Amino acid sequence: MDSNQILDEIRDINLSYMLLAKQMLREDRVSAMYRLGINQDVADILEQLTSAQLIKMAASNMLLCRFRFDDRLIAEMLSTDSRDQSVAKSHASILMAGKSAEAMI
C-alpha cells in the first residue's frame, strides 16, 4: 500500500467514525459518551460541527479515533475465545469505564 492509499483509508475511517459518533450522540448522548470514551466537552464539540467542518477534520492525515485500551489484560479479554464471552466483555467494559475519558480533539 502506498502512502496516498494509506491517507485515503485514514480519511475514510475518520469520516465514518465522526459520522457514527454524531449519530450516536443524537440518539443517546450518555451512552455514546461512554461507548466513545469521550467527555462532555468533546461531545459538545462533535455535536456542533457543521458538515463542512466534519469533512475538513476527517481529511486530517491522523486517525481521530484510537484504541481505548492500552494494557494487555483488556486486549486479551476482548480477543480471547472463551466459553462465556459476555462475562469477559462486561469485565473489559468495567475496566475501560474506570479509565478517564480523554479529549480526541
PDB file of N, CA and C in Angstrom:
ATOM      1  N   MET A   1       0.849  -1.173   0.000  1.00  0.00           N
ATOM      2  CA  MET A   1       0.000   0.000   0.000  1.00  0.00           C
ATOM      3  C   MET A   1       0.898   1.239   0.000  1.00  0.00           C
ATOM      4  N   ASP A   2       0.670   2.148  -0.901  1.00  0.00           N
ATOM      5  CA  ASP A   2       1.489   3.361  -0.925  1.00  0.00           C
ATOM      6  C   ASP A   2       0.909   4.414   0.021  1.00  0.00           C
ATOM      7  N   SER A   3       1.646   5.479   0.228  1.00  0.00           N
ATOM      8  CA  SER A   3       1.253   6.475   1.224  1.00  0.00           C
ATOM      9  C   SER A   3      -0.054   7.186   0.858  1.00  0.00           C
ATOM     10  N   ASN A   4      -0.328   7.380  -0.424  1.00  0.00           N
ATOM     11  CA  ASN A   4      -1.594   8.009  -0.819  1.00  0.00           C
ATOM     12  C   ASN A   4      -2.781   7.119  -0.483  1.00  0.00           C
ATOM     13  N   GLN A   5      -2.628   5.818  -0.674  1.00  0.00           N
ATOM     14  CA  GLN A   5      -3.689   4.877  -0.320  1.00  0.00           C
ATOM     15  C   GLN A   5      -3.936   4.891   1.184  1.00  0.00           C
ATOM     16  N   ILE A   6      -2.868   4.925   1.942  1.00  0.00           N
ATOM     17  CA  ILE A   6      -2.999   4.945   3.404  1.00  0.00           C
ATOM     18  C   ILE A   6      -3.720   6.208   3.847  1.00  0.00           C
ATOM     19  N   LEU A   7      -3.359   7.352   3.281  1.00  0.00           N
ATOM     20  CA  LEU A   7      -4.036   8.606   3.628  1.00  0.00           C
ATOM     21  C   LEU A   7      -5.515   8.569   3.267  1.00  0.00           C
ATOM     22  N   ASP A   8      -5.834   7.984   2.117  1.00  0.00           N
ATOM     23  CA  ASP A   8      -7.244   7.843   1.723  1.00  0.00           C
ATOM     24  C   ASP A   8      -8.004   6.971   2.712  1.00  0.00           C
ATOM     25  N   GLU A   9      -7.382   5.886   3.148  1.00  0.00           N
ATOM     26  CA  GLU A   9      -8.010   4.992   4.121  1.00  0.00           C
ATOM     27  C   GLU A   9      -8.224   5.701   5.460  1.00  0.00           C
ATOM     28  N   ILE A  10      -7.235   6.475   5.890  1.00  0.00           N
ATOM     29  CA  ILE A  10      -7.350   7.224   7.143  1.00  0.00           C
ATOM     30  C   ILE A  10      -8.509   8.209   7.048  1.00  0.00           C
ATOM     31  N   ARG A  11      -8.609   8.914   5.931  1.00  0.00           N
ATOM     32  CA  ARG A  11      -9.711   9.876   5.753  1.00  0.00           C
ATOM     33  C   ARG A  11     -11.063   9.172   5.784  1.00  0.00           C
ATOM     34  N   ASP A  12     -11.164   8.017   5.148  1.00  0.00           N
ATOM     35  CA  ASP A  12     -12.418   7.263   5.156  1.00  0.00           C
ATOM     36  C   ASP A  12     -12.795   6.817   6.566  1.00  0.00           C
ATOM     37  N   ILE A  13     -11.810   6.321   7.295  1.00  0.00           N
ATOM     38  CA  ILE A  13     -12.063   5.891   8.678  1.00  0.00           C
ATOM     39  C   ILE A  13     -12.497   7.090   9.521  1.00  0.00           C
ATOM     40  N   ASN A  14     -11.790   8.215   9.393  1.00  0.00           N
ATOM     41  CA  ASN A  14     -12.138   9.406  10.162  1.00  0.00           C
ATOM     42  C   ASN A  14     -13.562   9.857   9.881  1.00  0.00           C
ATOM     43  N   LEU A  15     -13.935   9.906   8.613  1.00  0.00           N
ATOM     44  CA  LEU A  15     -15.274  10.358   8.252  1.00  0.00           C
ATOM     45  C   LEU A  15     -16.331   9.401   8.795  1.00  0.00           C
ATOM     46  N   SER A  16     -16.118   8.116   8.630  1.00  0.00           N
ATOM     47  CA  SER A  16     -17.068   7.121   9.146  1.00  0.00           C
ATOM     48  C   SER A  16     -17.199   7.221  10.656  1.00  0.00           C
ATOM     49  N   TYR A  17     -16.067   7.348  11.329  1.00  0.00           N
ATOM     50  CA  TYR A  17     -16.064   7.436  12.788  1.00  0.00           C
ATOM     51  C   TYR A  17     -16.808   8.679  13.269  1.00  0.00           C
ATOM     52  N   MET A  18     -16.537   9.800  12.654  1.00  0.00           N
ATOM     53  CA  MET A  18     -17.170  11.041  13.106  1.00  0.00           C
ATOM     54  C   MET A  18     -18.670  11.063  12.802  1.00  0.00           C
ATOM     55  N   LEU A  19     -19.065  10.515  11.661  1.00  0.00           N
ATOM     56  CA  LEU A  19     -20.493  10.423  11.348  1.00  0.00           C
ATOM     57  C   LEU A  19     -21.205   9.503  12.342  1.00  0.00           C
ATOM     58  N   LEU A  20     -20.576   8.386  12.647  1.00  0.00           N
ATOM     59  CA  LEU A  20     -21.140   7.464  13.628  1.00  0.00           C
ATOM     60  C   LEU A  20     -21.219   8.124  15.006  1.00  0.00           C
ATOM     61  N   ALA A  21     -20.168   8.815  15.397  1.00  0.00           N
ATOM     62  CA  ALA A  21     -20.153   9.487  16.704  1.00  0.00           C
ATOM     63  C   ALA A  21     -21.281  10.509  16.810  1.00  0.00           C
ATOM     64  N   LYS A  22     -21.467  11.311  15.766  1.00  0.00           N
ATOM     65  CA  LYS A  22     -22.547  12.305  15.776  1.00  0.00           C
ATOM     66  C   LYS A  22     -23.911  11.635  15.867  1.00  0.00           C
ATOM     67  N   GLN A  23     -24.106  10.555  15.128  1.00  0.00           N
ATOM     68  CA  GLN A  23     -25.375   9.833  15.174  1.00  0.00           C
ATOM     69  C   GLN A  23     -25.626   9.251  16.566  1.00  0.00           C
ATOM     70  N   MET A  24     -24.592   8.636  17.139  1.00  0.00           N
ATOM     71  CA  MET A  24     -24.722   8.064  18.480  1.00  0.00           C
ATOM     72  C   MET A  24     -25.062   9.136  19.495  1.00  0.00           C
ATOM     73  N   LEU A  25     -24.417  10.293  19.410  1.00  0.00           N
ATOM     74  CA  LEU A  25     -24.683  11.384  20.347  1.00  0.00           C
ATOM     75  C   LEU A  25     -26.110  11.900  20.217  1.00  0.00           C
ATOM     76  N   ARG A  26     -26.626  11.952  18.994  1.00  0.00           N
ATOM     77  CA  ARG A  26     -28.016  12.398  18.785  1.00  0.00           C
ATOM     78  C   ARG A  26     -29.009  11.416  19.392  1.00  0.00           C
ATOM     79  N   GLU A  27     -28.720  10.127  19.270  1.00  0.00           N
ATOM     80  CA  GLU A  27     -29.660   9.108  19.719  1.00  0.00           C
ATOM     81  C   GLU A  27     -29.646   8.894  21.232  1.00  0.00           C
ATOM     82  N   ASP A  28     -28.471   8.851  21.828  1.00  0.00           N
ATOM     83  CA  ASP A  28     -28.351   8.632  23.275  1.00  0.00           C
ATOM     84  C   ASP A  28     -27.001   9.174  23.731  1.00  0.00           C
ATOM     85  N   ARG A  29     -27.012  10.420  24.155  1.00  0.00           N
ATOM     86  CA  ARG A  29     -25.779  11.144  24.472  1.00  0.00           C
ATOM     87  C   ARG A  29     -24.940  10.446  25.547  1.00  0.00           C
ATOM     88  N   VAL A  30     -25.564  10.058  26.629  1.00  0.00           N
ATOM     89  CA  VAL A  30     -24.815   9.457  27.746  1.00  0.00           C
ATOM     90  C   VAL A  30     -24.176   8.138  27.318  1.00  0.00           C
ATOM     91  N   SER A  31     -24.945   7.300  26.666  1.00  0.00           N
ATOM     92  CA  SER A  31     -24.417   6.026  26.199  1.00  0.00           C
ATOM     93  C   SER A  31     -23.306   6.239  25.169  1.00  0.00           C
ATOM     94  N   ALA A  32     -23.497   7.194  24.276  1.00  0.00           N
ATOM     95  CA  ALA A  32     -22.488   7.486  23.249  1.00  0.00           C
ATOM     96  C   ALA A  32     -21.184   7.960  23.888  1.00  0.00           C
ATOM     97  N   MET A  33     -21.278   8.823  24.865  1.00  0.00           N
ATOM     98  CA  MET A  33     -20.070   9.315  25.526  1.00  0.00           C
ATOM     99  C   MET A  33     -19.316   8.153  26.171  1.00  0.00           C
ATOM    100  N   TYR A  34     -20.051   7.252  26.789  1.00  0.00           N
ATOM    101  CA  TYR A  34     -19.426   6.082  27.409  1.00  0.00           C
ATOM    102  C   TYR A  34     -18.779   5.187  26.351  1.00  0.00           C
ATOM    103  N   ARG A  35     -19.523   4.871  25.311  1.00  0.00           N
ATOM    104  CA  ARG A  35     -19.017   3.951  24.283  1.00  0.00           C
ATOM    105  C   ARG A  35     -17.855   4.542  23.491  1.00  0.00           C
ATOM    106  N   LEU A  36     -17.897   5.850  23.253  1.00  0.00           N
ATOM    107  CA  LEU A  36     -16.831   6.503  22.502  1.00  0.00           C
ATOM    108  C   LEU A  36     -15.631   6.852  23.383  1.00  0.00           C
ATOM    109  N   GLY A  37     -15.842   6.868  24.695  1.00  0.00           N
ATOM    110  CA  GLY A  37     -14.763   7.228  25.610  1.00  0.00           C
ATOM    111  C   GLY A  37     -14.424   8.701  25.556  1.00  0.00           C
ATOM    112  N   ILE A  38     -15.449   9.537  25.380  1.00  0.00           N
ATOM    113  CA  ILE A  38     -15.222  10.980  25.300  1.00  0.00           C
ATOM    114  C   ILE A  38     -15.904  11.676  26.467  1.00  0.00           C
ATOM    115  N   ASN A  39     -15.441  12.871  26.752  1.00  0.00           N
ATOM    116  CA  ASN A  39     -16.035  13.633  27.838  1.00  0.00           C
ATOM    117  C   ASN A  39     -17.066  14.627  27.299  1.00  0.00           C
ATOM    118  N   GLN A  40     -17.682  15.365  28.205  1.00  0.00           N
ATOM    119  CA  GLN A  40     -18.738  16.320  27.869  1.00  0.00           C
ATOM    120  C   GLN A  40     -18.266  17.367  26.853  1.00  0.00           C
ATOM    121  N   ASP A  41     -17.070  17.886  27.049  1.00  0.00           N
ATOM    122  CA  ASP A  41     -16.554  18.929  26.156  1.00  0.00           C
ATOM    123  C   ASP A  41     -16.415  18.432  24.716  1.00  0.00           C
ATOM    124  N   VAL A  42     -15.867  17.245  24.548  1.00  0.00           N
ATOM    125  CA  VAL A  42     -15.684  16.694  23.211  1.00  0.00           C
ATOM    126  C   VAL A  42     -17.040  16.378  22.585  1.00  0.00           C
ATOM    127  N   ALA A  43     -17.973  15.862  23.387  1.00  0.00           N
ATOM    128  CA  ALA A  43     -19.320  15.586  22.875  1.00  0.00           C
ATOM    129  C   ALA A  43     -19.971  16.872  22.374  1.00  0.00           C
ATOM    130  N   ASP A  44     -19.820  17.959  23.127  1.00  0.00           N
ATOM    131  CA  ASP A  44     -20.373  19.248  22.706  1.00  0.00           C
ATOM    132  C   ASP A  44     -19.778  19.703  21.380  1.00  0.00           C
ATOM    133  N   ILE A  45     -18.465  19.573  21.248  1.00  0.00           N
ATOM    134  CA  ILE A  45     -17.785  19.981  20.014  1.00  0.00           C
ATOM    135  C   ILE A  45     -18.287  19.160  18.832  1.00  0.00           C
ATOM    136  N   LEU A  46     -18.352  17.846  19.004  1.00  0.00           N
ATOM    137  CA  LEU A  46     -18.792  16.976  17.907  1.00  0.00           C
ATOM    138  C   LEU A  46     -20.214  17.298  17.472  1.00  0.00           C
ATOM    139  N   GLU A  47     -21.087  17.541  18.431  1.00  0.00           N
ATOM    140  CA  GLU A  47     -22.478  17.838  18.099  1.00  0.00           C
ATOM    141  C   GLU A  47     -22.626  19.158  17.348  1.00  0.00           C
ATOM    142  N   GLN A  48     -21.740  20.090  17.592  1.00  0.00           N
ATOM    143  CA  GLN A  48     -21.854  21.407  16.978  1.00  0.00           C
ATOM    144  C   GLN A  48     -21.149  21.525  15.631  1.00  0.00           C
ATOM    145  N   LEU A  49     -20.402  20.517  15.232  1.00  0.00           N
ATOM    146  CA  LEU A  49     -19.686  20.578  13.955  1.00  0.00           C
ATOM    147  C   LEU A  49     -20.654  20.636  12.781  1.00  0.00           C
ATOM    148  N   THR A  50     -20.391  21.523  11.853  1.00  0.00           N
ATOM    149  CA  THR A  50     -21.155  21.544  10.609  1.00  0.00           C
ATOM    150  C   THR A  50     -20.621  20.433   9.705  1.00  0.00           C
ATOM    151  N   SER A  51     -21.338  20.147   8.645  1.00  0.00           N
ATOM    152  CA  SER A  51     -20.875  19.117   7.699  1.00  0.00           C
ATOM    153  C   SER A  51     -19.521  19.490   7.111  1.00  0.00           C
ATOM    154  N   ALA A  52     -19.345  20.761   6.783  1.00  0.00           N
ATOM    155  CA  ALA A  52     -18.071  21.210   6.204  1.00  0.00           C
ATOM    156  C   ALA A  52     -16.926  21.047   7.200  1.00  0.00           C
ATOM    157  N   GLN A  53     -17.170  21.376   8.461  1.00  0.00           N
ATOM    158  CA  GLN A  53     -16.136  21.219   9.486  1.00  0.00           C
ATOM    159  C   GLN A  53     -15.797  19.749   9.693  1.00  0.00           C
ATOM    160  N   LEU A  54     -16.824  18.910   9.684  1.00  0.00           N
ATOM    161  CA  LEU A  54     -16.616  17.481   9.873  1.00  0.00           C
ATOM    162  C   LEU A  54     -15.769  16.907   8.740  1.00  0.00           C
ATOM    163  N   ILE A  55     -16.067  17.285   7.526  1.00  0.00           N
ATOM    164  CA  ILE A  55     -15.303  16.811   6.372  1.00  0.00           C
ATOM    165  C   ILE A  55     -13.864  17.312   6.430  1.00  0.00           C
ATOM    166  N   LYS A  56     -13.696  18.565   6.854  1.00  0.00           N
ATOM    167  CA  LYS A  56     -12.344  19.128   6.963  1.00  0.00           C
ATOM    168  C   LYS A  56     -11.526  18.373   8.015  1.00  0.00           C
ATOM    169  N   MET A  57     -12.140  18.082   9.156  1.00  0.00           N
ATOM    170  CA  MET A  57     -11.434  17.330  10.202  1.00  0.00           C
ATOM    171  C   MET A  57     -11.111  15.916   9.737  1.00  0.00           C
ATOM    172  N   ALA A  58     -12.049  15.294   9.037  1.00  0.00           N
ATOM    173  CA  ALA A  58     -11.841  13.919   8.567  1.00  0.00           C
ATOM    174  C   ALA A  58     -10.684  13.840   7.576  1.00  0.00           C
ATOM    175  N   ALA A  59     -10.410  14.937   6.887  1.00  0.00           N
ATOM    176  CA  ALA A  59      -9.344  14.959   5.885  1.00  0.00           C
ATOM    177  C   ALA A  59      -7.948  15.016   6.506  1.00  0.00           C
ATOM    178  N   SER A  60      -7.875  14.997   7.817  1.00  0.00           N
ATOM    179  CA  SER A  60      -6.588  15.009   8.510  1.00  0.00           C
ATOM    180  C   SER A  60      -5.786  13.767   8.144  1.00  0.00           C
ATOM    181  N   ASN A  61      -4.478  13.860   8.259  1.00  0.00           N
ATOM    182  CA  ASN A  61      -3.645  12.689   7.979  1.00  0.00           C
ATOM    183  C   ASN A  61      -3.400  11.846   9.231  1.00  0.00           C
ATOM    184  N   MET A  62      -4.126  12.172  10.308  1.00  0.00           N
ATOM    185  CA  MET A  62      -4.024  11.410  11.560  1.00  0.00           C
ATOM    186  C   MET A  62      -5.361  10.745  11.853  1.00  0.00           C
ATOM    187  N   LEU A  63      -5.308   9.550  12.417  1.00  0.00           N
ATOM    188  CA  LEU A  63      -6.540   8.902  12.850  1.00  0.00           C
ATOM    189  C   LEU A  63      -7.129   9.667  14.025  1.00  0.00           C
ATOM    190  N   LEU A  64      -8.417   9.958  13.953  1.00  0.00           N
ATOM    191  CA  LEU A  64      -9.078  10.687  15.031  1.00  0.00           C
ATOM    192  C   LEU A  64      -9.617   9.753  16.106  1.00  0.00           C
ATOM    193  N   CYS A  65      -9.784   8.495  15.754  1.00  0.00           N
ATOM    194  CA  CYS A  65     -10.195   7.519  16.757  1.00  0.00           C
ATOM    195  C   CYS A  65      -8.952   6.751  17.209  1.00  0.00           C
ATOM    196  N   ARG A  66      -9.063   6.105  18.353  1.00  0.00           N
ATOM    197  CA  ARG A  66      -7.928   5.346  18.844  1.00  0.00           C
ATOM    198  C   ARG A  66      -8.425   4.196  19.705  1.00  0.00           C
ATOM    199  N   PHE A  67      -7.562   3.239  19.957  1.00  0.00           N
ATOM    200  CA  PHE A  67      -7.919   2.148  20.846  1.00  0.00           C
ATOM    201  C   PHE A  67      -8.130   2.709  22.240  1.00  0.00           C
ATOM    202  N   ARG A  68      -9.154   2.242  22.914  1.00  0.00           N
ATOM    203  CA  ARG A  68      -9.452   2.735  24.255  1.00  0.00           C
ATOM    204  C   ARG A  68      -8.733   1.952  25.333  1.00  0.00           C
ATOM    205  N   PHE A  69      -7.966   0.976  24.949  1.00  0.00           N
ATOM    206  CA  PHE A  69      -7.238   0.218  25.958  1.00  0.00           C
ATOM    207  C   PHE A  69      -5.756   0.270  25.638  1.00  0.00           C
ATOM    208  N   ASP A  70      -4.986   0.242  26.686  1.00  0.00           N
ATOM    209  CA  ASP A  70      -3.542   0.275  26.491  1.00  0.00           C
ATOM    210  C   ASP A  70      -2.842  -0.750  27.372  1.00  0.00           C
ATOM    211  N   ASP A  71      -3.601  -1.727  27.806  1.00  0.00           N
ATOM    212  CA  ASP A  71      -2.943  -2.776  28.574  1.00  0.00           C
ATOM    213  C   ASP A  71      -3.347  -4.152  28.056  1.00  0.00           C
ATOM    214  N   ARG A  72      -2.509  -5.076  28.317  1.00  0.00           N
ATOM    215  CA  ARG A  72      -2.641  -6.431  27.797  1.00  0.00           C
ATOM    216  C   ARG A  72      -3.894  -7.134  28.320  1.00  0.00           C
ATOM    217  N   LEU A  73      -4.260  -6.901  29.572  1.00  0.00           N
ATOM    218  CA  LEU A  73      -5.400  -7.581  30.180  1.00  0.00           C
ATOM    219  C   LEU A  73      -6.687  -7.314  29.390  1.00  0.00           C
ATOM    220  N   ILE A  74      -6.952  -6.060  29.092  1.00  0.00           N
ATOM    221  CA  ILE A  74      -8.176  -5.717  28.362  1.00  0.00           C
ATOM    222  C   ILE A  74      -8.120  -6.269  26.942  1.00  0.00           C
ATOM    223  N   ALA A  75      -6.983  -6.157  26.290  1.00  0.00           N
ATOM    224  CA  ALA A  75      -6.836  -6.684  24.934  1.00  0.00           C
ATOM    225  C   ALA A  75      -7.108  -8.187  24.907  1.00  0.00           C
ATOM    226  N   GLU A  76      -6.592  -8.905  25.884  1.00  0.00           N
ATOM    227  CA  GLU A  76      -6.807 -10.346  25.935  1.00  0.00           C
ATOM    228  C   GLU A  76      -8.259 -10.688  26.234  1.00  0.00           C
ATOM    229  N   MET A  77      -8.893  -9.922  27.103  1.00  0.00           N
ATOM    230  CA  MET A  77     -10.304 -10.169  27.419  1.00  0.00           C
ATOM    231  C   MET A  77     -11.188 -10.006  26.187  1.00  0.00           C
ATOM    232  N   LEU A  78     -10.882  -9.005  25.393  1.00  0.00           N
ATOM    233  CA  LEU A  78     -11.703  -8.734  24.205  1.00  0.00           C
ATOM    234  C   LEU A  78     -11.422  -9.689  23.054  1.00  0.00           C
ATOM    235  N   SER A  79     -10.226 -10.261  23.010  1.00  0.00           N
ATOM    236  CA  SER A  79      -9.848 -11.079  21.861  1.00  0.00           C
ATOM    237  C   SER A  79      -9.818 -12.580  22.115  1.00  0.00           C
ATOM    238  N   THR A  80      -9.837 -12.996  23.358  1.00  0.00           N
ATOM    239  CA  THR A  80      -9.727 -14.412  23.682  1.00  0.00           C
ATOM    240  C   THR A  80     -11.051 -15.126  23.434  1.00  0.00           C
ATOM    241  N   ASP A  81     -10.952 -16.302  22.885  1.00  0.00           N
ATOM    242  CA  ASP A  81     -12.126 -17.145  22.690  1.00  0.00           C
ATOM    243  C   ASP A  81     -12.400 -17.871  23.996  1.00  0.00           C
ATOM    244  N   SER A  82     -13.489 -17.530  24.645  1.00  0.00           N
ATOM    245  CA  SER A  82     -13.815 -18.204  25.898  1.00  0.00           C
ATOM    246  C   SER A  82     -15.263 -18.671  25.848  1.00  0.00           C
ATOM    247  N   ARG A  83     -15.618 -19.514  26.778  1.00  0.00           N
ATOM    248  CA  ARG A  83     -16.987 -20.041  26.809  1.00  0.00           C
ATOM    249  C   ARG A  83     -17.989 -18.942  27.133  1.00  0.00           C
ATOM    250  N   ASP A  84     -17.604 -18.085  28.031  1.00  0.00           N
ATOM    251  CA  ASP A  84     -18.540 -17.038  28.452  1.00  0.00           C
ATOM    252  C   ASP A  84     -18.031 -15.679  27.988  1.00  0.00           C
ATOM    253  N   GLN A  85     -18.201 -15.426  26.722  1.00  0.00           N
ATOM    254  CA  GLN A  85     -17.721 -14.195  26.095  1.00  0.00           C
ATOM    255  C   GLN A  85     -18.387 -12.962  26.703  1.00  0.00           C
ATOM    256  N   SER A  86     -19.662 -13.073  27.102  1.00  0.00           N
ATOM    257  CA  SER A  86     -20.365 -11.909  27.642  1.00  0.00           C
ATOM    258  C   SER A  86     -19.758 -11.449  28.969  1.00  0.00           C
ATOM    259  N   VAL A  87     -19.309 -12.381  29.793  1.00  0.00           N
ATOM    260  CA  VAL A  87     -18.679 -12.012  31.065  1.00  0.00           C
ATOM    261  C   VAL A  87     -17.350 -11.314  30.808  1.00  0.00           C
ATOM    262  N   ALA A  88     -16.562 -11.835  29.878  1.00  0.00           N
ATOM    263  CA  ALA A  88     -15.269 -11.221  29.555  1.00  0.00           C
ATOM    264  C   ALA A  88     -15.466  -9.818  29.003  1.00  0.00           C
ATOM    265  N   LYS A  89     -16.445  -9.646  28.116  1.00  0.00           N
ATOM    266  CA  LYS A  89     -16.708  -8.328  27.547  1.00  0.00           C
ATOM    267  C   LYS A  89     -17.213  -7.355  28.607  1.00  0.00           C
ATOM    268  N   SER A  90     -18.075  -7.837  29.503  1.00  0.00           N
ATOM    269  CA  SER A  90     -18.568  -6.984  30.586  1.00  0.00           C
ATOM    270  C   SER A  90     -17.431  -6.554  31.500  1.00  0.00           C
ATOM    271  N   HIS A  91     -16.562  -7.478  31.827  1.00  0.00           N
ATOM    272  CA  HIS A  91     -15.419  -7.170  32.684  1.00  0.00           C
ATOM    273  C   HIS A  91     -14.508  -6.148  32.002  1.00  0.00           C
ATOM    274  N   ALA A  92     -14.250  -6.336  30.715  1.00  0.00           N
ATOM    275  CA  ALA A  92     -13.422  -5.383  29.974  1.00  0.00           C
ATOM    276  C   ALA A  92     -14.084  -4.007  29.936  1.00  0.00           C
ATOM    277  N   SER A  93     -15.402  -3.968  29.770  1.00  0.00           N
ATOM    278  CA  SER A  93     -16.125  -2.687  29.760  1.00  0.00           C
ATOM    279  C   SER A  93     -16.006  -1.973  31.098  1.00  0.00           C
ATOM    280  N   ILE A  94     -16.088  -2.734  32.162  1.00  0.00           N
ATOM    281  CA  ILE A  94     -15.957  -2.140  33.501  1.00  0.00           C
ATOM    282  C   ILE A  94     -14.564  -1.553  33.679  1.00  0.00           C
ATOM    283  N   LEU A  95     -13.548  -2.292  33.256  1.00  0.00           N
ATOM    284  CA  LEU A  95     -12.176  -1.798  33.376  1.00  0.00           C
ATOM    285  C   LEU A  95     -11.960  -0.537  32.536  1.00  0.00           C
ATOM    286  N   MET A  96     -12.506  -0.514  31.303  1.00  0.00           N
ATOM    287  CA  MET A  96     -12.341   0.653  30.446  1.00  0.00           C
ATOM    288  C   MET A  96     -13.121   1.851  30.973  1.00  0.00           C
ATOM    289  N   ALA A  97     -14.281   1.592  31.586  1.00  0.00           N
ATOM    290  CA  ALA A  97     -15.089   2.688  32.134  1.00  0.00           C
ATOM    291  C   ALA A  97     -14.371   3.370  33.293  1.00  0.00           C
ATOM    292  N   GLY A  98     -13.506   2.618  33.965  1.00  0.00           N
ATOM    293  CA  GLY A  98     -12.760   3.191  35.077  1.00  0.00           C
ATOM    294  C   GLY A  98     -11.662   4.135  34.657  1.00  0.00           C
ATOM    295  N   LYS A  99     -11.299   4.086  33.396  1.00  0.00           N
ATOM    296  CA  LYS A  99     -10.272   4.989  32.885  1.00  0.00           C
ATOM    297  C   LYS A  99     -10.923   6.330  32.544  1.00  0.00           C
ATOM    298  N   SER A 100     -10.215   7.394  32.740  1.00  0.00           N
ATOM    299  CA  SER A 100     -10.800   8.705  32.473  1.00  0.00           C
ATOM    300  C   SER A 100     -10.983   8.927  30.979  1.00  0.00           C
ATOM    301  N   ALA A 101     -12.051   9.611  30.629  1.00  0.00           N
ATOM    302  CA  ALA A 101     -12.286   9.963  29.217  1.00  0.00           C
ATOM    303  C   ALA A 101     -11.308  11.037  28.818  1.00  0.00           C
ATOM    304  N   GLU A 102     -10.708  10.878  27.649  1.00  0.00           N
ATOM    305  CA  GLU A 102      -9.753  11.846  27.158  1.00  0.00           C
ATOM    306  C   GLU A 102     -10.313  12.531  25.921  1.00  0.00           C
ATOM    307  N   ALA A 103      -9.967  13.775  25.745  1.00  0.00           N
ATOM    308  CA  ALA A 103     -10.427  14.514  24.574  1.00  0.00           C
ATOM    309  C   ALA A 103      -9.743  13.989  23.326  1.00  0.00           C
ATOM    310  N   MET A 104     -10.500  13.834  22.255  1.00  0.00           N
ATOM    311  CA  MET A 104      -9.908  13.383  20.997  1.00  0.00           C
ATOM    312  C   MET A 104      -9.622  14.546  20.085  1.00  0.00           C
ATOM    313  N   ILE A 105     -10.086  15.721  20.452  1.00  0.00           N
ATOM    314  CA  ILE A 105      -9.882  16.889  19.623  1.00  0.00           C
ATOM    315  C   ILE A 105      -9.017  17.888  20.362  1.00  0.00           C
TER     316      ILE A 105
END
